[in-house]
Amino acid sequence: GSEITLTTDIQEHPLPKSEQPAVQVNVVAPDFFKTLRVPLLRGRDFTERDDTNAPPVAIVTQSFVNKYFRGENALGKRIKPSGSVTPGEPPMREIVGVVGDLHLTTLREAAQPQIYIPHQQFAISTTSLFVRSTVSLHPSRSRASTRFW
């Protein structure tokens, strides 16, 4: 996955561009949530079919729903993060899923609202790799890894 912060237009709750919220946007591959064991609360996960030929979609976190939709069902709502990898106006995206909150940057603060976009629809040049393994870390690496998590 890769993360960026973008202002976001929420179609059902329009605001002037200068007042649109800045939200962390993560570009992820299918199975990202499964790999990190993030629960899919409503809707569906991304699939390989969510590519440039498919309608633009997004998945949001529960904290995003709580903050911007206040009790409404977010599925089917439309949002437009300001960034795009193609020239022109970025696409309006349909929310197809809601996932549990995820702390990607720090555990010291409450989870922030986040938007996830399928990599096939927003390919960028930088990425982070998440791997789930059943193999224990080598003892010399275990202390180093806990310093970062």
Foldseek 3Di string as FASTA:
>chain_A
DDKDWFFKAFPVDGDPSVPGDTAIEAADAFCPCVQVVWAWPDFDTDDPVCAQVDAWAKEKEPQQCCVPVNPDDQAQTWMFGQDAPDPDGTDIHGHGTYTHFDDPDDPPDDGGIYMYGYCNRHPDDDDDDGGDDPDDDDVVCPVVVVVRD
